Full PDB file with SEQRES, HELIX, SHEET, SSBOND, CRYST1, ORIGX, SCALE, CONECT and MASTER records, all heavy atoms in Angstrom:
SEQRES   1 A   40  LEU ARG ASP ASN VAL MET VAL SER ALA GLY ALA LYS VAL          
SEQRES   2 A   40  LEU GLY SER PHE THR ILE GLY GLU ASN SER LYS ILE GLY          
SEQRES   3 A   40  ALA GLY ALA VAL VAL LEU GLU GLU VAL PRO PRO ASP CYS          
SEQRES   4 A   40  THR                                                          
SHEET    1 AA1 2 MET A   6  VAL A   7  0                                        
SHEET    2 AA1 2 LYS A  24  ILE A  25  1                                        
SHEET    1 AA2 2 LYS A  12  VAL A  13  0                                        
SHEET    2 AA2 2 VAL A  30  VAL A  31  1                                        
CRYST1    1.000    1.000    1.000  90.00  90.00  90.00 P 1           1          
ORIGX1      1.000000  0.000000  0.000000        0.00000                         
ORIGX2      0.000000  1.000000  0.000000        0.00000                         
ORIGX3      0.000000  0.000000  1.000000        0.00000                         
SCALE1      1.000000  0.000000  0.000000        0.00000                         
SCALE2      0.000000  1.000000  0.000000        0.00000                         
SCALE3      0.000000  0.000000  1.000000        0.00000                         
ATOM      1  N   LEU A   1     100.417 118.340  98.260  1.00  0.00           N  
ATOM      2  CA  LEU A   1     101.211 119.527  98.568  1.00  0.00           C  
ATOM      3  C   LEU A   1     100.275 120.731  98.659  1.00  0.00           C  
ATOM      4  O   LEU A   1      99.580 121.057  97.693  1.00  0.00           O  
ATOM      5  CB  LEU A   1     102.276 119.783  97.488  1.00  0.00           C  
ATOM      6  CG  LEU A   1     103.594 119.012  97.593  1.00  0.00           C  
ATOM      7  CD1 LEU A   1     103.381 117.511  97.570  1.00  0.00           C  
ATOM      8  CD2 LEU A   1     104.557 119.435  96.495  1.00  0.00           C  
ATOM      9  N   ARG A   2     100.251 121.350  99.806  1.00  0.00           N  
ATOM     10  CA  ARG A   2      99.402 122.529  99.997  1.00  0.00           C  
ATOM     11  C   ARG A   2     100.054 123.755  99.330  1.00  0.00           C  
ATOM     12  O   ARG A   2     101.153 123.683  98.787  1.00  0.00           O  
ATOM     13  CB  ARG A   2      99.176 122.779 101.477  1.00  0.00           C  
ATOM     14  CG  ARG A   2      98.470 121.638 102.204  1.00  0.00           C  
ATOM     15  CD  ARG A   2      97.099 121.358 101.633  1.00  0.00           C  
ATOM     16  NE  ARG A   2      96.363 120.370 102.447  1.00  0.00           N  
ATOM     17  CZ  ARG A   2      95.241 119.782 102.068  1.00  0.00           C  
ATOM     18  NH1 ARG A   2      94.725 120.062 100.881  1.00  0.00           N  
ATOM     19  NH2 ARG A   2      94.643 118.898 102.853  1.00  0.00           N  
ATOM     20  N   ASP A   3      99.390 124.882  99.446  1.00  0.00           N  
ATOM     21  CA  ASP A   3      99.837 126.102  98.762  1.00  0.00           C  
ATOM     22  C   ASP A   3     101.246 126.519  99.190  1.00  0.00           C  
ATOM     23  O   ASP A   3     101.640 126.369 100.349  1.00  0.00           O  
ATOM     24  CB  ASP A   3      98.885 127.255  99.068  1.00  0.00           C  
ATOM     25  CG  ASP A   3      97.481 127.004  98.527  1.00  0.00           C  
ATOM     26  OD1 ASP A   3      97.311 126.068  97.738  1.00  0.00           O  
ATOM     27  OD2 ASP A   3      96.571 127.767  98.909  1.00  0.00           O  
ATOM     28  N   ASN A   4     102.003 127.069  98.222  1.00  0.00           N  
ATOM     29  CA  ASN A   4     103.299 127.701  98.438  1.00  0.00           C  
ATOM     30  C   ASN A   4     104.415 126.756  98.881  1.00  0.00           C  
ATOM     31  O   ASN A   4     105.414 127.193  99.443  1.00  0.00           O  
ATOM     32  CB  ASN A   4     103.185 128.838  99.488  1.00  0.00           C  
ATOM     33  CG  ASN A   4     102.168 129.885  99.085  1.00  0.00           C  
ATOM     34  OD1 ASN A   4     102.152 130.336  97.940  1.00  0.00           O  
ATOM     35  ND2 ASN A   4     101.308 130.263 100.019  1.00  0.00           N  
ATOM     36  N   VAL A   5     104.276 125.468  98.626  1.00  0.00           N  
ATOM     37  CA  VAL A   5     105.328 124.505  98.968  1.00  0.00           C  
ATOM     38  C   VAL A   5     106.442 124.566  97.921  1.00  0.00           C  
ATOM     39  O   VAL A   5     106.171 124.725  96.728  1.00  0.00           O  
ATOM     40  CB  VAL A   5     104.762 123.081  99.060  1.00  0.00           C  
ATOM     41  CG1 VAL A   5     105.871 122.036  99.125  1.00  0.00           C  
ATOM     42  CG2 VAL A   5     103.873 122.955 100.285  1.00  0.00           C  
ATOM     43  N   MET A   6     107.689 124.444  98.370  1.00  0.00           N  
ATOM     44  CA  MET A   6     108.826 124.373  97.468  1.00  0.00           C  
ATOM     45  C   MET A   6     109.552 123.048  97.696  1.00  0.00           C  
ATOM     46  O   MET A   6     109.892 122.703  98.833  1.00  0.00           O  
ATOM     47  CB  MET A   6     109.813 125.516  97.701  1.00  0.00           C  
ATOM     48  CG  MET A   6     110.942 125.554  96.675  1.00  0.00           C  
ATOM     49  SD  MET A   6     112.248 126.715  97.122  1.00  0.00           S  
ATOM     50  CE  MET A   6     113.139 125.756  98.350  1.00  0.00           C  
ATOM     51  N   VAL A   7     109.795 122.296  96.625  1.00  0.00           N  
ATOM     52  CA  VAL A   7     110.509 121.018  96.700  1.00  0.00           C  
ATOM     53  C   VAL A   7     111.797 121.171  95.884  1.00  0.00           C  
ATOM     54  O   VAL A   7     111.742 121.354  94.668  1.00  0.00           O  
ATOM     55  CB  VAL A   7     109.662 119.850  96.185  1.00  0.00           C  
ATOM     56  CG1 VAL A   7     110.386 118.526  96.435  1.00  0.00           C  
ATOM     57  CG2 VAL A   7     108.289 119.837  96.865  1.00  0.00           C  
ATOM     58  N   SER A   8     112.942 121.065  96.532  1.00  0.00           N  
ATOM     59  CA  SER A   8     114.219 121.357  95.899  1.00  0.00           C  
ATOM     60  C   SER A   8     114.733 120.187  95.062  1.00  0.00           C  
ATOM     61  O   SER A   8     114.173 119.089  95.090  1.00  0.00           O  
ATOM     62  CB  SER A   8     115.258 121.712  96.971  1.00  0.00           C  
ATOM     63  OG  SER A   8     114.833 122.854  97.706  1.00  0.00           O  
ATOM     64  N   ALA A   9     115.810 120.427  94.343  1.00  0.00           N  
ATOM     65  CA  ALA A   9     116.334 119.492  93.343  1.00  0.00           C  
ATOM     66  C   ALA A   9     116.594 118.108  93.920  1.00  0.00           C  
ATOM     67  O   ALA A   9     117.225 117.959  94.970  1.00  0.00           O  
ATOM     68  CB  ALA A   9     117.615 120.051  92.730  1.00  0.00           C  
ATOM     69  N   GLY A  10     116.110 117.089  93.210  1.00  0.00           N  
ATOM     70  CA  GLY A  10     116.387 115.713  93.571  1.00  0.00           C  
ATOM     71  C   GLY A  10     115.606 115.158  94.742  1.00  0.00           C  
ATOM     72  O   GLY A  10     115.794 114.001  95.114  1.00  0.00           O  
ATOM     73  N   ALA A  11     114.729 115.937  95.337  1.00  0.00           N  
ATOM     74  CA  ALA A  11     113.977 115.468  96.495  1.00  0.00           C  
ATOM     75  C   ALA A  11     112.900 114.471  96.072  1.00  0.00           C  
ATOM     76  O   ALA A  11     112.355 114.548  94.971  1.00  0.00           O  
ATOM     77  CB  ALA A  11     113.337 116.637  97.239  1.00  0.00           C  
ATOM     78  N   LYS A  12     112.603 113.513  96.959  1.00  0.00           N  
ATOM     79  CA  LYS A  12     111.578 112.503  96.725  1.00  0.00           C  
ATOM     80  C   LYS A  12     110.544 112.583  97.839  1.00  0.00           C  
ATOM     81  O   LYS A  12     110.903 112.492  99.021  1.00  0.00           O  
ATOM     82  CB  LYS A  12     112.183 111.090  96.684  1.00  0.00           C  
ATOM     83  CG  LYS A  12     113.451 110.975  95.836  1.00  0.00           C  
ATOM     84  CD  LYS A  12     113.236 111.341  94.385  1.00  0.00           C  
ATOM     85  CE  LYS A  12     114.541 111.267  93.601  1.00  0.00           C  
ATOM     86  NZ  LYS A  12     114.374 111.776  92.197  1.00  0.00           N  
ATOM     87  N   VAL A  13     109.294 112.728  97.450  1.00  0.00           N  
ATOM     88  CA  VAL A  13     108.191 112.737  98.415  1.00  0.00           C  
ATOM     89  C   VAL A  13     107.324 111.536  98.063  1.00  0.00           C  
ATOM     90  O   VAL A  13     106.653 111.520  97.030  1.00  0.00           O  
ATOM     91  CB  VAL A  13     107.385 114.050  98.328  1.00  0.00           C  
ATOM     92  CG1 VAL A  13     106.319 114.085  99.416  1.00  0.00           C  
ATOM     93  CG2 VAL A  13     108.314 115.257  98.468  1.00  0.00           C  
ATOM     94  N   LEU A  14     107.333 110.530  98.931  1.00  0.00           N  
ATOM     95  CA  LEU A  14     106.763 109.220  98.585  1.00  0.00           C  
ATOM     96  C   LEU A  14     105.701 108.803  99.580  1.00  0.00           C  
ATOM     97  O   LEU A  14     105.989 108.630 100.765  1.00  0.00           O  
ATOM     98  CB  LEU A  14     107.871 108.156  98.534  1.00  0.00           C  
ATOM     99  CG  LEU A  14     109.093 108.475  97.653  1.00  0.00           C  
ATOM    100  CD1 LEU A  14     110.146 107.397  97.811  1.00  0.00           C  
ATOM    101  CD2 LEU A  14     108.686 108.626  96.206  1.00  0.00           C  
ATOM    102  N   GLY A  15     104.475 108.647  99.102  1.00  0.00           N  
ATOM    103  CA  GLY A  15     103.407 108.168  99.965  1.00  0.00           C  
ATOM    104  C   GLY A  15     102.215 109.098  99.971  1.00  0.00           C  
ATOM    105  O   GLY A  15     102.250 110.216  99.471  1.00  0.00           O  
ATOM    106  N   SER A  16     101.128 108.608 100.594  1.00  0.00           N  
ATOM    107  CA  SER A  16      99.881 109.362 100.667  1.00  0.00           C  
ATOM    108  C   SER A  16      99.816 110.141 101.975  1.00  0.00           C  
ATOM    109  O   SER A  16      99.290 109.658 102.978  1.00  0.00           O  
ATOM    110  CB  SER A  16      98.679 108.418 100.549  1.00  0.00           C  
ATOM    111  OG  SER A  16      97.473 109.118 100.687  1.00  0.00           O  
ATOM    112  N   PHE A  17     100.365 111.328 101.982  1.00  0.00           N  
ATOM    113  CA  PHE A  17     100.333 112.209 103.153  1.00  0.00           C  
ATOM    114  C   PHE A  17     100.394 113.648 102.659  1.00  0.00           C  
ATOM    115  O   PHE A  17     100.488 113.894 101.450  1.00  0.00           O  
ATOM    116  CB  PHE A  17     101.473 111.897 104.130  1.00  0.00           C  
ATOM    117  CG  PHE A  17     102.826 111.878 103.489  1.00  0.00           C  
ATOM    118  CD1 PHE A  17     103.537 113.052 103.285  1.00  0.00           C  
ATOM    119  CD2 PHE A  17     103.400 110.683 103.063  1.00  0.00           C  
ATOM    120  CE1 PHE A  17     104.783 113.041 102.680  1.00  0.00           C  
ATOM    121  CE2 PHE A  17     104.637 110.664 102.452  1.00  0.00           C  
ATOM    122  CZ  PHE A  17     105.336 111.843 102.267  1.00  0.00           C  
ATOM    123  N   THR A  18     100.390 114.589 103.573  1.00  0.00           N  
ATOM    124  CA  THR A  18     100.278 115.995 103.218  1.00  0.00           C  
ATOM    125  C   THR A  18     101.538 116.772 103.609  1.00  0.00           C  
ATOM    126  O   THR A  18     102.066 116.598 104.712  1.00  0.00           O  
ATOM    127  CB  THR A  18      99.059 116.630 103.896  1.00  0.00           C  
ATOM    128  OG1 THR A  18      97.872 115.949 103.448  1.00  0.00           O  
ATOM    129  CG2 THR A  18      98.934 118.113 103.572  1.00  0.00           C  
ATOM    130  N   ILE A  19     101.990 117.616 102.708  1.00  0.00           N  
ATOM    131  CA  ILE A  19     103.020 118.606 103.006  1.00  0.00           C  
ATOM    132  C   ILE A  19     102.309 119.924 103.229  1.00  0.00           C  
ATOM    133  O   ILE A  19     101.646 120.446 102.330  1.00  0.00           O  
ATOM    134  CB  ILE A  19     104.040 118.743 101.843  1.00  0.00           C  
ATOM    135  CG1 ILE A  19     104.637 117.381 101.471  1.00  0.00           C  
ATOM    136  CG2 ILE A  19     105.133 119.735 102.229  1.00  0.00           C  
ATOM    137  CD1 ILE A  19     105.453 116.731 102.562  1.00  0.00           C  
ATOM    138  N   GLY A  20     102.425 120.490 104.422  1.00  0.00           N  
ATOM    139  CA  GLY A  20     101.653 121.668 104.784  1.00  0.00           C  
ATOM    140  C   GLY A  20     102.065 122.938 104.064  1.00  0.00           C  
ATOM    141  O   GLY A  20     103.146 123.020 103.449  1.00  0.00           O  
ATOM    142  N   GLU A  21     101.223 123.941 104.153  1.00  0.00           N  
ATOM    143  CA  GLU A  21     101.443 125.210 103.468  1.00  0.00           C  
ATOM    144  C   GLU A  21     102.794 125.822 103.829  1.00  0.00           C  
ATOM    145  O   GLU A  21     103.259 125.750 104.966  1.00  0.00           O  
ATOM    146  CB  GLU A  21     100.353 126.221 103.828  1.00  0.00           C  
ATOM    147  CG  GLU A  21      98.952 125.857 103.354  1.00  0.00           C  
ATOM    148  CD  GLU A  21      98.212 124.971 104.321  1.00  0.00           C  
ATOM    149  OE1 GLU A  21      98.851 124.460 105.265  1.00  0.00           O  
ATOM    150  OE2 GLU A  21      96.993 124.797 104.139  1.00  0.00           O  
ATOM    151  N   ASN A  22     103.417 126.468 102.825  1.00  0.00           N  
ATOM    152  CA  ASN A  22     104.642 127.259 103.003  1.00  0.00           C  
ATOM    153  C   ASN A  22     105.853 126.451 103.450  1.00  0.00           C  
ATOM    154  O   ASN A  22     106.839 127.024 103.917  1.00  0.00           O  
ATOM    155  CB  ASN A  22     104.406 128.396 104.023  1.00  0.00           C  
ATOM    156  CG  ASN A  22     103.183 129.221 103.713  1.00  0.00           C  
ATOM    157  OD1 ASN A  22     102.868 129.453 102.548  1.00  0.00           O  
ATOM    158  ND2 ASN A  22     102.474 129.656 104.743  1.00  0.00           N  
ATOM    159  N   SER A  23     105.816 125.133 103.290  1.00  0.00           N  
ATOM    160  CA  SER A  23     106.930 124.299 103.716  1.00  0.00           C  
ATOM    161  C   SER A  23     107.967 124.170 102.598  1.00  0.00           C  
ATOM    162  O   SER A  23     107.668 124.332 101.415  1.00  0.00           O  
ATOM    163  CB  SER A  23     106.453 122.907 104.130  1.00  0.00           C  
ATOM    164  OG  SER A  23     105.737 122.972 105.335  1.00  0.00           O  
ATOM    165  N   LYS A  24     109.223 123.878 103.007  1.00  0.00           N  
ATOM    166  CA  LYS A  24     110.321 123.652 102.089  1.00  0.00           C  
ATOM    167  C   LYS A  24     110.864 122.246 102.264  1.00  0.00           C  
ATOM    168  O   LYS A  24     111.040 121.776 103.394  1.00  0.00           O  
ATOM    169  CB  LYS A  24     111.473 124.629 102.367  1.00  0.00           C  
ATOM    170  CG  LYS A  24     111.251 126.042 101.936  1.00  0.00           C  
ATOM    171  CD  LYS A  24     112.536 126.837 102.220  1.00  0.00           C  
ATOM    172  CE  LYS A  24     112.417 128.265 101.756  1.00  0.00           C  
ATOM    173  NZ  LYS A  24     113.690 129.015 101.997  1.00  0.00           N  
ATOM    174  N   ILE A  25     111.161 121.590 101.149  1.00  0.00           N  
ATOM    175  CA  ILE A  25     111.827 120.297 101.170  1.00  0.00           C  
ATOM    176  C   ILE A  25     113.207 120.515 100.579  1.00  0.00           C  
ATOM    177  O   ILE A  25     113.340 120.973  99.440  1.00  0.00           O  
ATOM    178  CB  ILE A  25     111.061 119.238 100.355  1.00  0.00           C  
ATOM    179  CG1 ILE A  25     109.575 119.203 100.763  1.00  0.00           C  
ATOM    180  CG2 ILE A  25     111.722 117.886 100.502  1.00  0.00           C  
ATOM    181  CD1 ILE A  25     109.344 118.861 102.219  1.00  0.00           C  
ATOM    182  N   GLY A  26     114.272 120.205 101.330  1.00  0.00           N  
ATOM    183  CA  GLY A  26     115.638 120.449 100.900  1.00  0.00           C  
ATOM    184  C   GLY A  26     116.076 119.534  99.775  1.00  0.00           C  
ATOM    185  O   GLY A  26     115.497 118.460  99.550  1.00  0.00           O  
ATOM    186  N   ALA A  27     117.122 119.947  99.080  1.00  0.00           N  
ATOM    187  CA  ALA A  27     117.642 119.179  97.944  1.00  0.00           C  
ATOM    188  C   ALA A  27     118.079 117.787  98.397  1.00  0.00           C  
ATOM    189  O   ALA A  27     118.768 117.632  99.409  1.00  0.00           O  
ATOM    190  CB  ALA A  27     118.820 119.918  97.314  1.00  0.00           C  
ATOM    191  N   GLY A  28     117.651 116.766  97.641  1.00  0.00           N  
ATOM    192  CA  GLY A  28     118.041 115.390  97.921  1.00  0.00           C  
ATOM    193  C   GLY A  28     117.315 114.729  99.072  1.00  0.00           C  
ATOM    194  O   GLY A  28     117.602 113.573  99.390  1.00  0.00           O  
ATOM    195  N   ALA A  29     116.385 115.412  99.710  1.00  0.00           N  
ATOM    196  CA  ALA A  29     115.657 114.833 100.840  1.00  0.00           C  
ATOM    197  C   ALA A  29     114.716 113.724 100.366  1.00  0.00           C  
ATOM    198  O   ALA A  29     114.239 113.741  99.224  1.00  0.00           O  
ATOM    199  CB  ALA A  29     114.866 115.900 101.580  1.00  0.00           C  
ATOM    200  N   VAL A  30     114.458 112.758 101.252  1.00  0.00           N  
ATOM    201  CA  VAL A  30     113.479 111.705 100.985  1.00  0.00           C  
ATOM    202  C   VAL A  30     112.427 111.796 102.091  1.00  0.00           C  
ATOM    203  O   VAL A  30     112.693 111.439 103.238  1.00  0.00           O  
ATOM    204  CB  VAL A  30     114.122 110.313 100.967  1.00  0.00           C  
ATOM    205  CG1 VAL A  30     113.063 109.239 100.746  1.00  0.00           C  
ATOM    206  CG2 VAL A  30     115.198 110.225  99.887  1.00  0.00           C  
ATOM    207  N   VAL A  31     111.245 112.275 101.734  1.00  0.00           N  
ATOM    208  CA  VAL A  31     110.195 112.528 102.717  1.00  0.00           C  
ATOM    209  C   VAL A  31     109.192 111.382 102.669  1.00  0.00           C  
ATOM    210  O   VAL A  31     108.623 111.075 101.625  1.00  0.00           O  
ATOM    211  CB  VAL A  31     109.479 113.863 102.431  1.00  0.00           C  
ATOM    212  CG1 VAL A  31     108.463 114.173 103.521  1.00  0.00           C  
ATOM    213  CG2 VAL A  31     110.504 114.997 102.335  1.00  0.00           C  
ATOM    214  N   LEU A  32     108.968 110.752 103.835  1.00  0.00           N  
ATOM    215  CA  LEU A  32     108.125 109.568 103.911  1.00  0.00           C  
ATOM    216  C   LEU A  32     106.952 109.723 104.872  1.00  0.00           C  
ATOM    217  O   LEU A  32     106.210 108.769 105.096  1.00  0.00           O  
ATOM    218  CB  LEU A  32     108.963 108.353 104.337  1.00  0.00           C  
ATOM    219  CG  LEU A  32     110.162 108.014 103.438  1.00  0.00           C  
ATOM    220  CD1 LEU A  32     110.993 106.907 104.063  1.00  0.00           C  
ATOM    221  CD2 LEU A  32     109.697 107.618 102.043  1.00  0.00           C  
ATOM    222  N   GLU A  33     106.817 110.906 105.459  1.00  0.00           N  
ATOM    223  CA  GLU A  33     105.708 111.111 106.389  1.00  0.00           C  
ATOM    224  C   GLU A  33     105.262 112.561 106.349  1.00  0.00           C  
ATOM    225  O   GLU A  33     105.942 113.432 105.802  1.00  0.00           O  
ATOM    226  CB  GLU A  33     106.108 110.724 107.814  1.00  0.00           C  
ATOM    227  CG  GLU A  33     107.310 111.473 108.343  1.00  0.00           C  
ATOM    228  CD  GLU A  33     107.745 110.968 109.695  1.00  0.00           C  
ATOM    229  OE1 GLU A  33     107.421 109.816 110.040  1.00  0.00           O  
ATOM    230  OE2 GLU A  33     108.418 111.737 110.420  1.00  0.00           O  
ATOM    231  N   GLU A  34     104.115 112.826 106.951  1.00  0.00           N  
ATOM    232  CA  GLU A  34     103.464 114.137 106.878  1.00  0.00           C  
ATOM    233  C   GLU A  34     104.342 115.254 107.445  1.00  0.00           C  
ATOM    234  O   GLU A  34     105.092 115.068 108.411  1.00  0.00           O  
ATOM    235  CB  GLU A  34     102.130 114.088 107.632  1.00  0.00           C  
ATOM    236  CG  GLU A  34     101.300 115.332 107.478  1.00  0.00           C  
ATOM    237  CD  GLU A  34      99.828 115.100 107.793  1.00  0.00           C  
ATOM    238  OE1 GLU A  34      99.367 113.973 107.635  1.00  0.00           O  
ATOM    239  OE2 GLU A  34      99.166 116.071 108.173  1.00  0.00           O  
ATOM    240  N   VAL A  35     104.228 116.430 106.823  1.00  0.00           N  
ATOM    241  CA  VAL A  35     104.968 117.613 107.247  1.00  0.00           C  
ATOM    242  C   VAL A  35     103.971 118.711 107.585  1.00  0.00           C  
ATOM    243  O   VAL A  35     103.126 119.056 106.749  1.00  0.00           O  
ATOM    244  CB  VAL A  35     105.928 118.085 106.144  1.00  0.00           C  
ATOM    245  CG1 VAL A  35     106.624 119.378 106.561  1.00  0.00           C  
ATOM    246  CG2 VAL A  35     106.945 117.005 105.808  1.00  0.00           C  
ATOM    247  N   PRO A  36     104.018 119.288 108.786  1.00  0.00           N  
ATOM    248  CA  PRO A  36     103.093 120.369 109.147  1.00  0.00           C  
ATOM    249  C   PRO A  36     103.383 121.634 108.341  1.00  0.00           C  
ATOM    250  O   PRO A  36     104.423 121.737 107.678  1.00  0.00           O  
ATOM    251  CB  PRO A  36     103.385 120.588 110.642  1.00  0.00           C  
ATOM    252  CG  PRO A  36     104.110 119.378 111.090  1.00  0.00           C  
ATOM    253  CD  PRO A  36     104.869 118.878 109.911  1.00  0.00           C  
ATOM    254  N   PRO A  37     102.504 122.609 108.383  1.00  0.00           N  
ATOM    255  CA  PRO A  37     102.751 123.872 107.676  1.00  0.00           C  
ATOM    256  C   PRO A  37     103.983 124.608 108.199  1.00  0.00           C  
ATOM    257  O   PRO A  37     104.393 124.418 109.354  1.00  0.00           O  
ATOM    258  CB  PRO A  37     101.472 124.689 107.951  1.00  0.00           C  
ATOM    259  CG  PRO A  37     100.438 123.668 108.298  1.00  0.00           C  
ATOM    260  CD  PRO A  37     101.167 122.562 108.997  1.00  0.00           C  
ATOM    261  N   ASP A  38     104.584 125.447 107.340  1.00  0.00           N  
ATOM    262  CA  ASP A  38     105.680 126.330 107.715  1.00  0.00           C  
ATOM    263  C   ASP A  38     106.890 125.593 108.261  1.00  0.00           C  
ATOM    264  O   ASP A  38     107.517 126.023 109.232  1.00  0.00           O  
ATOM    265  CB  ASP A  38     105.205 127.360 108.765  1.00  0.00           C  
ATOM    266  CG  ASP A  38     103.995 128.151 108.284  1.00  0.00           C  
ATOM    267  OD1 ASP A  38     104.118 128.829 107.245  1.00  0.00           O  
ATOM    268  OD2 ASP A  38     102.940 128.066 108.928  1.00  0.00           O  
ATOM    269  N   CYS A  39     107.252 124.478 107.646  1.00  0.00           N  
ATOM    270  CA  CYS A  39     108.386 123.692 108.105  1.00  0.00           C  
ATOM    271  C   CYS A  39     109.449 123.566 107.020  1.00  0.00           C  
ATOM    272  O   CYS A  39     109.163 123.718 105.834  1.00  0.00           O  
ATOM    273  CB  CYS A  39     107.937 122.290 108.530  1.00  0.00           C  
ATOM    274  SG  CYS A  39     106.995 122.248 110.065  1.00  0.00           S  
ATOM    275  N   THR A  40     110.674 123.291 107.452  1.00  0.00           N  
ATOM    276  CA  THR A  40     111.759 122.974 106.542  1.00  0.00           C  
ATOM    277  C   THR A  40     112.216 121.550 106.830  1.00  0.00           C  
ATOM    278  O   THR A  40     112.462 121.195 107.980  1.00  0.00           O  
ATOM    279  CB  THR A  40     112.952 123.936 106.728  1.00  0.00           C  
ATOM    280  OG1 THR A  40     112.510 125.277 106.459  1.00  0.00           O  
ATOM    281  CG2 THR A  40     114.096 123.593 105.787  1.00  0.00           C  
TER     282      THR A  40                                                      
MASTER        0    0    0    0    4    0    0    6  281    1    0    4          
END                                                                             
């Protein structure tokens, strides 16, 4: 997880990849692949 990332309640981030700067992961989301910077 790069700088300023927010991961909301109950979210699962599973695997060896990168969540870009300033990104948000919504509540209950299951993230399985890379997320570029500044994304929701």
